[in-house]
Amino acid sequence: MIQEQPNNPLHGITLEKIINTLVEHYGWKELGERITIRCFNDNPSVKSSLKFLRKTPWARDKVEALYITTQNSVWKK
């Protein structure tokens, strides 16, 4: 049974959607400057980013935090 998570801003949002949203908003270059990880700076792609972020919790945490911050700033406009 799926548990509701009303206070989780990432509930129902896939990692792929998060990456696509950030790339659309910042572009790979700025995203790589904001979060310095190789998959954003060296021949970046959604596929390589997904592979890395699924195996690396600290990097995924940074990406999710940037997504939440970005969404909050977009919603406040």
C-alpha atoms as a PDB file:
ATOM      1  CA  MET A   1       0.000   0.000   0.000  1.00  0.00           C
ATOM      2  CA  ILE A   2       1.339   3.458  -0.928  1.00  0.00           C
ATOM      3  CA  GLN A   3       1.748   5.785   2.021  1.00  0.00           C
ATOM      4  CA  GLU A   4       0.716   9.431   1.630  1.00  0.00           C
ATOM      5  CA  GLN A   5       3.455  11.984   2.273  1.00  0.00           C
ATOM      6  CA  PRO A   6       1.796  15.402   2.303  1.00  0.00           C
ATOM      7  CA  ASN A   7       4.828  17.178   3.816  1.00  0.00           C
ATOM      8  CA  ASN A   8       7.369  15.708   1.384  1.00  0.00           C
ATOM      9  CA  PRO A   9       7.917  18.196  -1.482  1.00  0.00           C
ATOM     10  CA  LEU A  10       9.491  15.435  -3.604  1.00  0.00           C
ATOM     11  CA  HIS A  11       6.638  12.949  -3.225  1.00  0.00           C
ATOM     12  CA  GLY A  12       5.592  11.669  -6.633  1.00  0.00           C
ATOM     13  CA  ILE A  13       8.455  13.372  -8.496  1.00  0.00           C
ATOM     14  CA  THR A  14      10.947  11.125 -10.251  1.00  0.00           C
ATOM     15  CA  LEU A  15      14.675  11.745 -10.229  1.00  0.00           C
ATOM     16  CA  GLU A  16      14.540  11.998 -14.027  1.00  0.00           C
ATOM     17  CA  LYS A  17      11.967  14.803 -13.789  1.00  0.00           C
ATOM     18  CA  ILE A  18      14.138  16.596 -11.226  1.00  0.00           C
ATOM     19  CA  ILE A  19      17.188  16.453 -13.499  1.00  0.00           C
ATOM     20  CA  ASN A  20      15.221  17.528 -16.581  1.00  0.00           C
ATOM     21  CA  THR A  21      13.681  20.453 -14.690  1.00  0.00           C
ATOM     22  CA  LEU A  22      17.059  21.631 -13.387  1.00  0.00           C
ATOM     23  CA  VAL A  23      18.707  21.307 -16.809  1.00  0.00           C
ATOM     24  CA  GLU A  24      15.839  23.225 -18.400  1.00  0.00           C
ATOM     25  CA  HIS A  25      16.095  25.971 -15.767  1.00  0.00           C
ATOM     26  CA  TYR A  26      19.899  26.257 -15.408  1.00  0.00           C
ATOM     27  CA  GLY A  27      21.451  24.387 -18.332  1.00  0.00           C
ATOM     28  CA  TRP A  28      24.235  21.821 -17.876  1.00  0.00           C
ATOM     29  CA  LYS A  29      26.988  24.439 -17.494  1.00  0.00           C
ATOM     30  CA  GLU A  30      25.409  26.350 -14.615  1.00  0.00           C
ATOM     31  CA  LEU A  31      24.108  23.155 -13.023  1.00  0.00           C
ATOM     32  CA  GLY A  32      27.683  21.839 -13.040  1.00  0.00           C
ATOM     33  CA  GLU A  33      28.860  25.057 -11.396  1.00  0.00           C
ATOM     34  CA  ARG A  34      26.202  24.868  -8.696  1.00  0.00           C
ATOM     35  CA  ILE A  35      26.778  21.170  -7.974  1.00  0.00           C
ATOM     36  CA  THR A  36      30.301  20.117  -8.860  1.00  0.00           C
ATOM     37  CA  ILE A  37      29.979  16.502  -9.916  1.00  0.00           C
ATOM     38  CA  ARG A  38      31.481  14.927 -13.015  1.00  0.00           C
ATOM     39  CA  CYS A  39      28.195  13.744 -14.520  1.00  0.00           C
ATOM     40  CA  PHE A  40      27.131  17.418 -14.851  1.00  0.00           C
ATOM     41  CA  ASN A  41      30.480  18.699 -16.145  1.00  0.00           C
ATOM     42  CA  ASP A  42      32.049  15.963 -18.287  1.00  0.00           C
ATOM     43  CA  ASN A  43      29.908  14.999 -21.295  1.00  0.00           C
ATOM     44  CA  PRO A  44      26.639  15.432 -19.347  1.00  0.00           C
ATOM     45  CA  SER A  45      23.480  13.492 -20.092  1.00  0.00           C
ATOM     46  CA  VAL A  46      20.327  12.602 -18.217  1.00  0.00           C
ATOM     47  CA  LYS A  47      21.196   8.897 -18.460  1.00  0.00           C
ATOM     48  CA  SER A  48      24.675   9.250 -16.922  1.00  0.00           C
ATOM     49  CA  SER A  49      23.344  11.593 -14.246  1.00  0.00           C
ATOM     50  CA  LEU A  50      20.600   9.152 -13.271  1.00  0.00           C
ATOM     51  CA  LYS A  51      23.089   6.292 -13.046  1.00  0.00           C
ATOM     52  CA  PHE A  52      25.449   8.281 -10.818  1.00  0.00           C
ATOM     53  CA  LEU A  53      22.813   9.884  -8.590  1.00  0.00           C
ATOM     54  CA  ARG A  54      21.047   6.581  -7.918  1.00  0.00           C
ATOM     55  CA  LYS A  55      24.309   5.177  -6.525  1.00  0.00           C
ATOM     56  CA  THR A  56      25.514   8.304  -4.686  1.00  0.00           C
ATOM     57  CA  PRO A  57      23.247   9.513  -1.872  1.00  0.00           C
ATOM     58  CA  TRP A  58      25.223  12.668  -1.000  1.00  0.00           C
ATOM     59  CA  ALA A  59      25.044  13.897  -4.600  1.00  0.00           C
ATOM     60  CA  ARG A  60      21.362  13.028  -4.898  1.00  0.00           C
ATOM     61  CA  ASP A  61      20.685  14.993  -1.696  1.00  0.00           C
ATOM     62  CA  LYS A  62      22.355  18.068  -3.217  1.00  0.00           C
ATOM     63  CA  VAL A  63      20.373  17.738  -6.444  1.00  0.00           C
ATOM     64  CA  GLU A  64      17.081  17.316  -4.572  1.00  0.00           C
ATOM     65  CA  ALA A  65      17.869  20.308  -2.325  1.00  0.00           C
ATOM     66  CA  LEU A  66      18.615  22.493  -5.362  1.00  0.00           C
ATOM     67  CA  TYR A  67      15.378  21.337  -7.003  1.00  0.00           C
ATOM     68  CA  ILE A  68      13.346  22.254  -3.906  1.00  0.00           C
ATOM     69  CA  THR A  69      15.056  25.651  -3.646  1.00  0.00           C
ATOM     70  CA  THR A  70      14.526  26.308  -7.349  1.00  0.00           C
ATOM     71  CA  GLN A  71      10.861  25.303  -7.225  1.00  0.00           C
ATOM     72  CA  ASN A  72      10.262  27.481  -4.155  1.00  0.00           C
ATOM     73  CA  SER A  73      11.809  30.513  -5.859  1.00  0.00           C
ATOM     74  CA  VAL A  74       9.792  29.905  -9.053  1.00  0.00           C
ATOM     75  CA  TRP A  75       6.529  29.508  -7.110  1.00  0.00           C
ATOM     76  CA  LYS A  76       7.083  32.753  -5.175  1.00  0.00           C
ATOM     77  CA  LYS A  77       7.283  34.807  -8.400  1.00  0.00           C
END
